[in-house]
C-alpha atoms as a PDB file:
ATOM      1  CA  MET A   1      26.249  -9.368  -7.826  1.00  0.00           C
ATOM      2  CA  GLU A   2      23.065  -7.810  -8.110  1.00  0.00           C
ATOM      3  CA  SER A   3      21.746  -4.885  -5.753  1.00  0.00           C
ATOM      4  CA  PHE A   4      19.374  -6.505  -3.130  1.00  0.00           C
ATOM      5  CA  SER A   5      16.862  -3.910  -4.270  1.00  0.00           C
ATOM      6  CA  THR A   6      17.118  -5.475  -7.651  1.00  0.00           C
ATOM      7  CA  VAL A   7      16.400  -9.010  -6.429  1.00  0.00           C
ATOM      8  CA  LEU A   8      13.838  -7.702  -4.531  1.00  0.00           C
ATOM      9  CA  ARG A   9      12.049  -6.488  -7.283  1.00  0.00           C
ATOM     10  CA  THR A  10      12.544  -9.337  -9.394  1.00  0.00           C
ATOM     11  CA  ALA A  11      11.787 -11.910  -6.723  1.00  0.00           C
ATOM     12  CA  SER A  12       8.226 -10.402  -6.326  1.00  0.00           C
ATOM     13  CA  ARG A  13       7.757  -9.203  -9.696  1.00  0.00           C
ATOM     14  CA  GLY A  14       5.209 -12.440 -10.504  1.00  0.00           C
ATOM     15  CA  GLN A  15       3.012 -11.848  -7.429  1.00  0.00           C
ATOM     16  CA  HIS A  16       3.322  -8.107  -7.919  1.00  0.00           C
ATOM     17  CA  LEU A  17       1.668  -8.483 -11.627  1.00  0.00           C
ATOM     18  CA  ALA A  18      -1.071 -10.818 -10.359  1.00  0.00           C
ATOM     19  CA  ALA A  19      -2.159  -7.872  -7.743  1.00  0.00           C
ATOM     20  CA  GLU A  20      -2.513  -5.676 -10.598  1.00  0.00           C
ATOM     21  CA  SER A  21      -4.093  -7.631 -12.877  1.00  0.00           C
ATOM     22  CA  SER A  22      -6.701  -8.829 -10.356  1.00  0.00           C
ATOM     23  CA  PRO A  23      -9.910  -8.809 -11.964  1.00  0.00           C
ATOM     24  CA  PHE A  24     -11.356  -6.023  -9.238  1.00  0.00           C
ATOM     25  CA  LEU A  25      -8.487  -3.656  -9.713  1.00  0.00           C
ATOM     26  CA  SER A  26      -9.051  -4.088 -13.582  1.00  0.00           C
ATOM     27  CA  ASP A  27     -13.109  -3.268 -13.432  1.00  0.00           C
ATOM     28  CA  LEU A  28     -12.462  -0.663 -10.875  1.00  0.00           C
ATOM     29  CA  LEU A  29      -9.568   0.983 -13.090  1.00  0.00           C
ATOM     30  CA  GLY A  30     -11.841   0.302 -15.950  1.00  0.00           C
ATOM     31  CA  GLY A  31     -14.866   2.630 -14.650  1.00  0.00           C
ATOM     32  CA  ARG A  32     -16.671  -1.055 -14.927  1.00  0.00           C
ATOM     33  CA  LEU A  33     -17.619  -0.583 -11.044  1.00  0.00           C
ATOM     34  CA  GLY A  34     -19.539   2.317  -9.116  1.00  0.00           C
ATOM     35  CA  VAL A  35     -17.810   4.925  -6.621  1.00  0.00           C
ATOM     36  CA  ALA A  36     -19.349   2.627  -3.457  1.00  0.00           C
ATOM     37  CA  ALA A  37     -16.484  -0.151  -5.005  1.00  0.00           C
ATOM     38  CA  TYR A  38     -13.935   2.504  -4.914  1.00  0.00           C
ATOM     39  CA  ALA A  39     -15.103   3.850  -1.328  1.00  0.00           C
ATOM     40  CA  ARG A  40     -14.963   0.265   0.058  1.00  0.00           C
ATOM     41  CA  TYR A  41     -11.565  -0.297  -1.412  1.00  0.00           C
ATOM     42  CA  THR A  42     -10.106   3.240   0.306  1.00  0.00           C
ATOM     43  CA  GLU A  43     -11.280   1.960   3.524  1.00  0.00           C
ATOM     44  CA  GLN A  44      -9.765  -1.517   3.460  1.00  0.00           C
ATOM     45  CA  LEU A  45      -6.511   0.676   2.976  1.00  0.00           C
ATOM     46  CA  TRP A  46      -7.188   2.427   5.982  1.00  0.00           C
ATOM     47  CA  PHE A  47      -6.941  -0.900   7.925  1.00  0.00           C
ATOM     48  CA  VAL A  48      -3.581  -1.697   6.389  1.00  0.00           C
ATOM     49  CA  TYR A  49      -2.028   1.828   6.451  1.00  0.00           C
ATOM     50  CA  GLU A  50      -3.543   2.021  10.464  1.00  0.00           C
ATOM     51  CA  ALA A  51      -1.171  -1.055  11.015  1.00  0.00           C
ATOM     52  CA  LEU A  52       1.910   0.364   9.409  1.00  0.00           C
ATOM     53  CA  GLU A  53       1.915   3.718  10.589  1.00  0.00           C
ATOM     54  CA  SER A  54       0.663   3.222  14.066  1.00  0.00           C
ATOM     55  CA  ALA A  55       4.822   1.181  14.665  1.00  0.00           C
ATOM     56  CA  ALA A  56       6.211   3.883  12.931  1.00  0.00           C
ATOM     57  CA  GLY A  57       7.302   6.070  15.567  1.00  0.00           C
ATOM     58  CA  ARG A  58       8.069   2.947  17.984  1.00  0.00           C
ATOM     59  CA  LEU A  59      10.560   1.800  15.345  1.00  0.00           C
ATOM     60  CA  ALA A  60      12.398   4.856  13.959  1.00  0.00           C
ATOM     61  CA  ALA A  61      14.719   4.191  16.029  1.00  0.00           C
ATOM     62  CA  ASP A  62      15.235   0.810  15.110  1.00  0.00           C
ATOM     63  CA  PRO A  63      19.135  -0.163  12.951  1.00  0.00           C
ATOM     64  CA  VAL A  64      16.568  -2.030  10.469  1.00  0.00           C
ATOM     65  CA  ALA A  65      13.723  -0.602   9.979  1.00  0.00           C
ATOM     66  CA  GLY A  66      14.083   3.053  11.267  1.00  0.00           C
ATOM     67  CA  PRO A  67      15.714   4.427   7.987  1.00  0.00           C
ATOM     68  CA  PHE A  68      12.758   3.789   6.346  1.00  0.00           C
ATOM     69  CA  VAL A  69      10.321   5.131   8.549  1.00  0.00           C
ATOM     70  CA  ARG A  70       9.797   8.662   6.905  1.00  0.00           C
ATOM     71  CA  PRO A  71       7.144  11.446   7.849  1.00  0.00           C
ATOM     72  CA  GLU A  72       6.278  12.460   4.309  1.00  0.00           C
ATOM     73  CA  LEU A  73       5.093   8.681   3.560  1.00  0.00           C
ATOM     74  CA  MET A  74       2.527   8.795   6.108  1.00  0.00           C
ATOM     75  CA  ARG A  75      -0.600   8.042   4.263  1.00  0.00           C
ATOM     76  CA  LEU A  76      -3.473   8.313   6.968  1.00  0.00           C
ATOM     77  CA  PRO A  77      -4.349  11.626   7.197  1.00  0.00           C
ATOM     78  CA  ALA A  78      -4.895  11.811   3.440  1.00  0.00           C
ATOM     79  CA  LEU A  79      -7.066   8.286   3.485  1.00  0.00           C
ATOM     80  CA  GLU A  80      -9.065   9.635   6.561  1.00  0.00           C
ATOM     81  CA  ARG A  81      -9.668  12.833   4.312  1.00  0.00           C
ATOM     82  CA  ASP A  82     -10.492  10.641   1.356  1.00  0.00           C
ATOM     83  CA  LEU A  83     -13.246   8.696   3.364  1.00  0.00           C
ATOM     84  CA  ALA A  84     -14.887  11.610   4.883  1.00  0.00           C
ATOM     85  CA  HIS A  85     -15.512  12.769   0.908  1.00  0.00           C
ATOM     86  CA  LEU A  86     -16.800   9.604   0.121  1.00  0.00           C
ATOM     87  CA  ARG A  87     -18.452   8.259   3.108  1.00  0.00           C
ATOM     88  CA  GLY A  88     -19.089  11.511   4.943  1.00  0.00           C
ATOM     89  CA  ALA A  89     -18.423  12.567   8.356  1.00  0.00           C
ATOM     90  CA  GLY A  90     -19.565   9.619  10.181  1.00  0.00           C
ATOM     91  CA  TRP A  91     -17.818   7.280   7.948  1.00  0.00           C
ATOM     92  CA  ARG A  92     -15.740   5.990  11.222  1.00  0.00           C
ATOM     93  CA  ALA A  93     -19.046   4.274  12.548  1.00  0.00           C
ATOM     94  CA  GLY A  94     -19.673   2.628   9.237  1.00  0.00           C
ATOM     95  CA  LEU A  95     -15.712   1.211   9.213  1.00  0.00           C
ATOM     96  CA  SER A  96     -15.106  -2.837   8.600  1.00  0.00           C
ATOM     97  CA  ALA A  97     -12.425  -4.851   7.475  1.00  0.00           C
ATOM     98  CA  LEU A  98     -12.817  -6.815   4.872  1.00  0.00           C
ATOM     99  CA  PRO A  99     -11.603 -10.448   6.835  1.00  0.00           C
ATOM    100  CA  ALA A 100      -8.352 -10.324   4.141  1.00  0.00           C
ATOM    101  CA  THR A 101      -8.248  -7.271   5.257  1.00  0.00           C
ATOM    102  CA  ALA A 102      -8.083  -8.269   8.851  1.00  0.00           C
ATOM    103  CA  ALA A 103      -5.381 -10.942   7.574  1.00  0.00           C
ATOM    104  CA  TYR A 104      -3.481  -8.674   5.959  1.00  0.00           C
ATOM    105  CA  ALA A 105      -3.045  -5.901   9.173  1.00  0.00           C
ATOM    106  CA  ASP A 106      -2.698  -8.331  11.465  1.00  0.00           C
ATOM    107  CA  ARG A 107       0.498  -9.991   9.268  1.00  0.00           C
ATOM    108  CA  VAL A 108       2.183  -5.839   9.064  1.00  0.00           C
ATOM    109  CA  ARG A 109       0.773  -6.059  13.309  1.00  0.00           C
ATOM    110  CA  ALA A 110       2.994  -9.062  13.714  1.00  0.00           C
ATOM    111  CA  CYS A 111       5.963  -7.403  11.571  1.00  0.00           C
ATOM    112  CA  ALA A 112       6.352  -4.315  13.190  1.00  0.00           C
ATOM    113  CA  ALA A 113       6.107  -5.899  16.881  1.00  0.00           C
ATOM    114  CA  HIS A 114       8.574  -8.836  16.423  1.00  0.00           C
ATOM    115  CA  TRP A 115      10.795  -8.274  12.786  1.00  0.00           C
ATOM    116  CA  PRO A 116      11.658  -5.232  11.441  1.00  0.00           C
ATOM    117  CA  GLY A 117      12.776  -6.798   8.190  1.00  0.00           C
ATOM    118  CA  GLY A 118       9.527  -7.827   7.547  1.00  0.00           C
ATOM    119  CA  TYR A 119       8.206  -4.482   8.632  1.00  0.00           C
ATOM    120  CA  VAL A 120      10.521  -2.973   6.031  1.00  0.00           C
ATOM    121  CA  ALA A 121       9.361  -5.364   3.499  1.00  0.00           C
ATOM    122  CA  HIS A 122       5.185  -4.517   3.979  1.00  0.00           C
ATOM    123  CA  HIS A 123       6.726  -1.116   3.437  1.00  0.00           C
ATOM    124  CA  TYR A 124       8.503  -1.153   0.476  1.00  0.00           C
ATOM    125  CA  THR A 125       5.508  -3.057  -0.876  1.00  0.00           C
ATOM    126  CA  ARG A 126       2.777  -0.755  -0.239  1.00  0.00           C
ATOM    127  CA  TYR A 127       4.713   3.019  -0.796  1.00  0.00           C
ATOM    128  CA  LEU A 128       6.924   2.713  -3.499  1.00  0.00           C
ATOM    129  CA  GLY A 129       3.785   0.902  -4.980  1.00  0.00           C
ATOM    130  CA  ASP A 130       1.759   3.885  -4.113  1.00  0.00           C
ATOM    131  CA  LEU A 131       4.572   6.511  -5.584  1.00  0.00           C
ATOM    132  CA  SER A 132       4.429   4.433  -8.755  1.00  0.00           C
ATOM    133  CA  GLY A 133       0.953   2.295  -9.849  1.00  0.00           C
ATOM    134  CA  GLY A 134      -0.713   4.243  -7.245  1.00  0.00           C
ATOM    135  CA  GLN A 135      -0.620   7.561  -9.787  1.00  0.00           C
ATOM    136  CA  VAL A 136      -2.492   5.504 -12.397  1.00  0.00           C
ATOM    137  CA  VAL A 137      -5.222   4.725  -9.741  1.00  0.00           C
ATOM    138  CA  ARG A 138      -5.232   8.706  -9.146  1.00  0.00           C
ATOM    139  CA  ASP A 139      -5.928   9.439 -12.743  1.00  0.00           C
ATOM    140  CA  ARG A 140      -8.294   7.604 -13.430  1.00  0.00           C
ATOM    141  CA  ALA A 141     -10.173   7.642 -10.222  1.00  0.00           C
ATOM    142  CA  GLU A 142     -10.522  11.420 -11.319  1.00  0.00           C
ATOM    143  CA  ARG A 143     -11.733  10.496 -14.685  1.00  0.00           C
ATOM    144  CA  THR A 144     -13.926   8.156 -14.085  1.00  0.00           C
ATOM    145  CA  TRP A 145     -15.791   9.865 -10.616  1.00  0.00           C
ATOM    146  CA  GLY A 146     -14.806  12.905 -11.297  1.00  0.00           C
ATOM    147  CA  PHE A 147     -12.417  14.115  -8.294  1.00  0.00           C
ATOM    148  CA  ALA A 148     -10.911  17.216  -8.160  1.00  0.00           C
ATOM    149  CA  ARG A 149      -7.602  17.069  -9.674  1.00  0.00           C
ATOM    150  CA  LYS A 150      -5.273  15.662  -6.486  1.00  0.00           C
ATOM    151  CA  GLY A 151      -8.789  16.792  -3.998  1.00  0.00           C
ATOM    152  CA  ASP A 152     -10.587  15.167  -2.299  1.00  0.00           C
ATOM    153  CA  GLY A 153     -11.376  11.269  -3.022  1.00  0.00           C
ATOM    154  CA  VAL A 154      -7.779  10.737  -4.344  1.00  0.00           C
ATOM    155  CA  ARG A 155      -5.649  12.249  -1.727  1.00  0.00           C
ATOM    156  CA  PHE A 156      -3.826   9.306  -0.710  1.00  0.00           C
ATOM    157  CA  TYR A 157      -2.004   9.282  -3.623  1.00  0.00           C
ATOM    158  CA  VAL A 158      -0.907  12.693  -3.457  1.00  0.00           C
ATOM    159  CA  PHE A 159       2.420  13.025  -1.704  1.00  0.00           C
ATOM    160  CA  GLU A 160       2.901  16.489  -1.389  1.00  0.00           C
ATOM    161  CA  ASP A 161       5.926  16.541   0.826  1.00  0.00           C
ATOM    162  CA  ILE A 162       7.917  14.554  -1.870  1.00  0.00           C
ATOM    163  CA  ALA A 163       8.901  16.968  -4.969  1.00  0.00           C
ATOM    164  CA  GLY A 164      10.992  14.039  -7.136  1.00  0.00           C
ATOM    165  CA  PRO A 165       9.161  10.774  -6.947  1.00  0.00           C
ATOM    166  CA  ALA A 166      11.617   9.436  -8.965  1.00  0.00           C
ATOM    167  CA  ALA A 167      14.567  10.732  -6.864  1.00  0.00           C
ATOM    168  CA  PHE A 168      12.868   9.117  -3.504  1.00  0.00           C
ATOM    169  CA  LYS A 169      12.084   5.907  -5.078  1.00  0.00           C
ATOM    170  CA  ARG A 170      15.738   6.004  -5.886  1.00  0.00           C
ATOM    171  CA  GLU A 171      17.369   6.895  -2.477  1.00  0.00           C
ATOM    172  CA  TYR A 172      14.716   4.247  -0.817  1.00  0.00           C
ATOM    173  CA  ARG A 173      16.336   1.771  -3.016  1.00  0.00           C
ATOM    174  CA  GLN A 174      19.522   3.014  -2.044  1.00  0.00           C
ATOM    175  CA  ARG A 175      18.425   2.534   1.524  1.00  0.00           C
ATOM    176  CA  LEU A 176      17.163  -1.138   0.651  1.00  0.00           C
ATOM    177  CA  ASP A 177      20.532  -2.128  -0.687  1.00  0.00           C
ATOM    178  CA  ALA A 178      22.451  -0.471   2.476  1.00  0.00           C
ATOM    179  CA  VAL A 179      20.071  -2.403   4.766  1.00  0.00           C
ATOM    180  CA  GLY A 180      22.527  -4.023   7.639  1.00  0.00           C
ATOM    181  CA  VAL A 181      21.041  -7.203   7.297  1.00  0.00           C
ATOM    182  CA  ASP A 182      23.109 -10.710   6.380  1.00  0.00           C
ATOM    183  CA  GLU A 183      21.953 -12.957   3.500  1.00  0.00           C
ATOM    184  CA  LEU A 184      20.199 -15.103   5.133  1.00  0.00           C
ATOM    185  CA  GLU A 185      17.359 -12.716   6.378  1.00  0.00           C
ATOM    186  CA  ARG A 186      17.556 -10.818   3.135  1.00  0.00           C
ATOM    187  CA  GLN A 187      16.068 -14.158   1.655  1.00  0.00           C
ATOM    188  CA  ARG A 188      13.393 -14.387   4.696  1.00  0.00           C
ATOM    189  CA  MET A 189      12.732 -10.609   3.783  1.00  0.00           C
ATOM    190  CA  VAL A 190      12.124 -11.273  -0.448  1.00  0.00           C
ATOM    191  CA  ALA A 191       9.916 -14.268   0.702  1.00  0.00           C
ATOM    192  CA  GLU A 192       7.750 -11.688   3.193  1.00  0.00           C
ATOM    193  CA  CYS A 193       7.466  -8.895   0.146  1.00  0.00           C
ATOM    194  CA  ASN A 194       5.777 -11.525  -1.539  1.00  0.00           C
ATOM    195  CA  ARG A 195       3.570 -12.490   0.664  1.00  0.00           C
ATOM    196  CA  ALA A 196       2.856  -9.197   0.865  1.00  0.00           C
ATOM    197  CA  PHE A 197       1.514  -9.216  -2.427  1.00  0.00           C
ATOM    198  CA  ALA A 198      -0.189 -12.235  -1.832  1.00  0.00           C
ATOM    199  CA  LEU A 199      -2.218 -10.821   0.725  1.00  0.00           C
ATOM    200  CA  ASN A 200      -3.111  -7.780  -0.961  1.00  0.00           C
ATOM    201  CA  THR A 201      -4.202  -9.903  -3.944  1.00  0.00           C
ATOM    202  CA  ALA A 202      -6.226 -11.503  -1.336  1.00  0.00           C
ATOM    203  CA  VAL A 203      -7.938  -8.261  -0.454  1.00  0.00           C
ATOM    204  CA  PHE A 204      -8.872  -7.889  -3.980  1.00  0.00           C
ATOM    205  CA  GLU A 205     -10.458 -11.177  -4.592  1.00  0.00           C
ATOM    206  CA  ALA A 206     -12.594 -10.229  -1.701  1.00  0.00           C
ATOM    207  CA  LEU A 207     -13.130  -7.039  -3.137  1.00  0.00           C
ATOM    208  CA  GLY A 208     -14.163  -8.614  -6.018  1.00  0.00           C
ATOM    209  CA  GLU A 209     -16.954 -10.949  -4.787  1.00  0.00           C
ATOM    210  CA  GLU A 210     -18.552  -7.892  -2.956  1.00  0.00           C
ATOM    211  CA  PHE A 211     -18.651  -5.979  -6.228  1.00  0.00           C
ATOM    212  CA  PRO A 212     -19.276  -8.336  -9.214  1.00  0.00           C
ATOM    213  CA  ARG A 213     -18.642  -6.619 -12.493  1.00  0.00           C
ATOM    214  CA  THR A 214     -22.047  -4.623 -13.450  1.00  0.00           C
ATOM    215  CA  ALA A 215     -20.934  -3.771 -16.972  1.00  0.00           C
END
């Protein structure tokens, strides 16, 4: 019998690939868009992680979501430092969510409030992605826009408190395998994982409309 983490990864592979292959992300990582597009993308991430992390304290004691709430994963402080670097000290005043981003953050917030299993699905898609593909984004951003290696502008992708990302991801998947829910709930979590990827793809599509390829 396949482990839950394997089922989750396999069932969401198509949506995951759709998100990764979005034209906006391809253009951004290919150096075909300016740093303003990268800053706008970083700004959208802030809204999603604010929704995820503002609920973390309340969910830390939850039997389903609690095992996944880990302080070493928290991204908001790093995101805010990046935004201050990208947009200046007054970055908060200009903060604005695209409609697709607002819908994504609202869904995360709703799961956090009413459905711990759904919160875990969003948590998984974001943080394990940051630990994996996010490192490609960091490397490309450093090369394209000259950010200091693991410095301001790309700190979101730097997990200073995780010494071994591979071991951490392995432990995270073990926690998924041990999650105390029945088969029907696991199926609902798989569906929510796919929804999370679709919401993320919608953000990329909206960014692509705002920043069409310039070269």
